[in-house]
């Protein structure tokens, strides 16, 4: 039985996270626990904006290194593409060359 999946992109994530933060900041005025969600939403928005600014034309350089290698191999061999996952926040902040040919 096929599953139900949500597909999104980096800019959609940035916008949705910003909207989420706006809603949670208003709630945080009455409930200090909501600040947890404000921080998580800000993290997601910042990560998405960084990825949008840093990605190359193919969008490969902002993926996790292991997925990046598998995707390049799949593209060279016309194989099945792996599920694409955005790299971790700190690796986006401090990128190091990870692609090996």
C-alpha atoms as a PDB file:
ATOM      1  CA  UNK A   1       0.000   0.000   0.000  1.00  0.00           C
ATOM      2  CA  UNK A   2       1.572   3.318  -0.998  1.00  0.00           C
ATOM      3  CA  UNK A   3       2.286   5.766   1.789  1.00  0.00           C
ATOM      4  CA  UNK A   4       1.326   9.386   1.986  1.00  0.00           C
ATOM      5  CA  UNK A   5       4.283  11.709   1.572  1.00  0.00           C
ATOM      6  CA  UNK A   6       4.824  15.421   1.918  1.00  0.00           C
ATOM      7  CA  UNK A   7       7.183  16.942  -0.622  1.00  0.00           C
ATOM      8  CA  UNK A   8       8.374  20.474  -0.129  1.00  0.00           C
ATOM      9  CA  UNK A   9      11.269  22.684  -1.107  1.00  0.00           C
ATOM     10  CA  UNK A  10      13.733  24.954   0.661  1.00  0.00           C
ATOM     11  CA  UNK A  11      11.905  28.230   0.041  1.00  0.00           C
ATOM     12  CA  UNK A  12       8.547  26.755   1.043  1.00  0.00           C
ATOM     13  CA  UNK A  13      10.132  25.569   4.285  1.00  0.00           C
ATOM     14  CA  UNK A  14      11.600  29.004   4.994  1.00  0.00           C
ATOM     15  CA  UNK A  15       8.234  30.725   4.479  1.00  0.00           C
ATOM     16  CA  UNK A  16       6.236  28.168   6.454  1.00  0.00           C
ATOM     17  CA  UNK A  17       8.701  28.278   9.343  1.00  0.00           C
ATOM     18  CA  UNK A  18       8.542  32.084   9.421  1.00  0.00           C
ATOM     19  CA  UNK A  19       4.739  31.931   9.552  1.00  0.00           C
ATOM     20  CA  UNK A  20       4.969  29.342  12.329  1.00  0.00           C
ATOM     21  CA  UNK A  21       7.330  31.575  14.323  1.00  0.00           C
ATOM     22  CA  UNK A  22       5.010  34.549  13.918  1.00  0.00           C
ATOM     23  CA  UNK A  23       2.102  32.534  15.318  1.00  0.00           C
ATOM     24  CA  UNK A  24       4.143  31.106  18.197  1.00  0.00           C
ATOM     25  CA  UNK A  25       5.623  34.467  19.225  1.00  0.00           C
ATOM     26  CA  UNK A  26       2.101  35.773  19.700  1.00  0.00           C
ATOM     27  CA  UNK A  27       1.239  32.760  21.852  1.00  0.00           C
ATOM     28  CA  UNK A  28       4.479  33.103  23.843  1.00  0.00           C
ATOM     29  CA  UNK A  29       3.223  36.356  25.339  1.00  0.00           C
ATOM     30  CA  UNK A  30       0.880  34.260  27.519  1.00  0.00           C
ATOM     31  CA  UNK A  31       2.699  30.920  27.648  1.00  0.00           C
ATOM     32  CA  UNK A  32       6.495  30.846  28.160  1.00  0.00           C
ATOM     33  CA  UNK A  33       6.628  27.213  26.938  1.00  0.00           C
ATOM     34  CA  UNK A  34       5.856  28.486  23.433  1.00  0.00           C
ATOM     35  CA  UNK A  35       9.383  29.970  23.274  1.00  0.00           C
ATOM     36  CA  UNK A  36      10.627  26.420  22.694  1.00  0.00           C
ATOM     37  CA  UNK A  37       8.637  26.326  19.447  1.00  0.00           C
ATOM     38  CA  UNK A  38       9.750  29.826  18.489  1.00  0.00           C
ATOM     39  CA  UNK A  39      13.386  28.706  18.742  1.00  0.00           C
ATOM     40  CA  UNK A  40      12.770  25.512  16.749  1.00  0.00           C
ATOM     41  CA  UNK A  41      10.883  27.442  14.071  1.00  0.00           C
ATOM     42  CA  UNK A  42      13.649  30.035  13.822  1.00  0.00           C
ATOM     43  CA  UNK A  43      16.204  27.244  13.452  1.00  0.00           C
ATOM     44  CA  UNK A  44      14.220  25.709  10.599  1.00  0.00           C
ATOM     45  CA  UNK A  45      13.713  29.044   8.860  1.00  0.00           C
ATOM     46  CA  UNK A  46      17.377  30.001   9.151  1.00  0.00           C
ATOM     47  CA  UNK A  47      18.543  26.598   7.918  1.00  0.00           C
ATOM     48  CA  UNK A  48      16.259  26.836   4.891  1.00  0.00           C
ATOM     49  CA  UNK A  49      17.365  30.361   4.021  1.00  0.00           C
ATOM     50  CA  UNK A  50      21.024  29.353   4.352  1.00  0.00           C
ATOM     51  CA  UNK A  51      20.475  26.339   2.118  1.00  0.00           C
ATOM     52  CA  UNK A  52      18.696  28.479  -0.487  1.00  0.00           C
ATOM     53  CA  UNK A  53      21.592  30.952  -0.489  1.00  0.00           C
ATOM     54  CA  UNK A  54      24.343  28.314  -0.564  1.00  0.00           C
ATOM     55  CA  UNK A  55      22.981  25.749  -3.000  1.00  0.00           C
ATOM     56  CA  UNK A  56      24.507  25.257  -6.394  1.00  0.00           C
ATOM     57  CA  UNK A  57      22.447  25.130  -9.592  1.00  0.00           C
ATOM     58  CA  UNK A  58      21.732  21.425  -9.106  1.00  0.00           C
ATOM     59  CA  UNK A  59      21.000  21.791  -5.396  1.00  0.00           C
ATOM     60  CA  UNK A  60      23.415  18.985  -4.573  1.00  0.00           C
ATOM     61  CA  UNK A  61      25.898  20.812  -2.365  1.00  0.00           C
ATOM     62  CA  UNK A  62      23.360  21.400   0.436  1.00  0.00           C
ATOM     63  CA  UNK A  63      22.507  17.716   0.790  1.00  0.00           C
ATOM     64  CA  UNK A  64      24.009  15.413   3.384  1.00  0.00           C
ATOM     65  CA  UNK A  65      27.404  14.113   2.163  1.00  0.00           C
ATOM     66  CA  UNK A  66      26.346  10.446   1.946  1.00  0.00           C
ATOM     67  CA  UNK A  67      23.202  11.318   0.007  1.00  0.00           C
ATOM     68  CA  UNK A  68      25.197  13.674  -2.208  1.00  0.00           C
ATOM     69  CA  UNK A  69      27.541  10.842  -3.223  1.00  0.00           C
ATOM     70  CA  UNK A  70      24.648   8.437  -3.863  1.00  0.00           C
ATOM     71  CA  UNK A  71      22.807  11.041  -5.933  1.00  0.00           C
ATOM     72  CA  UNK A  72      25.861  11.771  -8.091  1.00  0.00           C
ATOM     73  CA  UNK A  73      26.344   8.043  -8.666  1.00  0.00           C
ATOM     74  CA  UNK A  74      22.660   7.626  -9.563  1.00  0.00           C
ATOM     75  CA  UNK A  75      22.850  10.503 -12.036  1.00  0.00           C
ATOM     76  CA  UNK A  76      25.973   9.067 -13.700  1.00  0.00           C
ATOM     77  CA  UNK A  77      24.480   5.577 -13.975  1.00  0.00           C
ATOM     78  CA  UNK A  78      20.834   6.548 -14.647  1.00  0.00           C
ATOM     79  CA  UNK A  79      19.914   4.790 -11.418  1.00  0.00           C
ATOM     80  CA  UNK A  80      17.252   5.437  -8.821  1.00  0.00           C
ATOM     81  CA  UNK A  81      17.643   8.731  -6.998  1.00  0.00           C
ATOM     82  CA  UNK A  82      17.958   8.502  -3.215  1.00  0.00           C
ATOM     83  CA  UNK A  83      15.647  10.469  -0.929  1.00  0.00           C
ATOM     84  CA  UNK A  84      17.148  13.921  -0.696  1.00  0.00           C
ATOM     85  CA  UNK A  85      17.837  15.221   2.818  1.00  0.00           C
ATOM     86  CA  UNK A  86      19.125  18.671   3.670  1.00  0.00           C
ATOM     87  CA  UNK A  87      22.506  18.703   5.406  1.00  0.00           C
ATOM     88  CA  UNK A  88      22.831  19.543   9.092  1.00  0.00           C
ATOM     89  CA  UNK A  89      22.730  23.151  10.252  1.00  0.00           C
ATOM     90  CA  UNK A  90      26.376  23.358  11.354  1.00  0.00           C
ATOM     91  CA  UNK A  91      27.717  21.838   8.136  1.00  0.00           C
ATOM     92  CA  UNK A  92      25.741  24.452   6.204  1.00  0.00           C
ATOM     93  CA  UNK A  93      27.270  27.166   8.422  1.00  0.00           C
ATOM     94  CA  UNK A  94      30.811  25.850   7.998  1.00  0.00           C
ATOM     95  CA  UNK A  95      30.894  23.980   4.684  1.00  0.00           C
ATOM     96  CA  UNK A  96      33.853  21.810   3.803  1.00  0.00           C
ATOM     97  CA  UNK A  97      34.434  20.149   0.436  1.00  0.00           C
ATOM     98  CA  UNK A  98      32.844  16.703   0.625  1.00  0.00           C
ATOM     99  CA  UNK A  99      32.379  15.661  -3.004  1.00  0.00           C
ATOM    100  CA  UNK A 100      34.929  13.180  -4.244  1.00  0.00           C
ATOM    101  CA  UNK A 101      35.164  12.186  -7.894  1.00  0.00           C
END
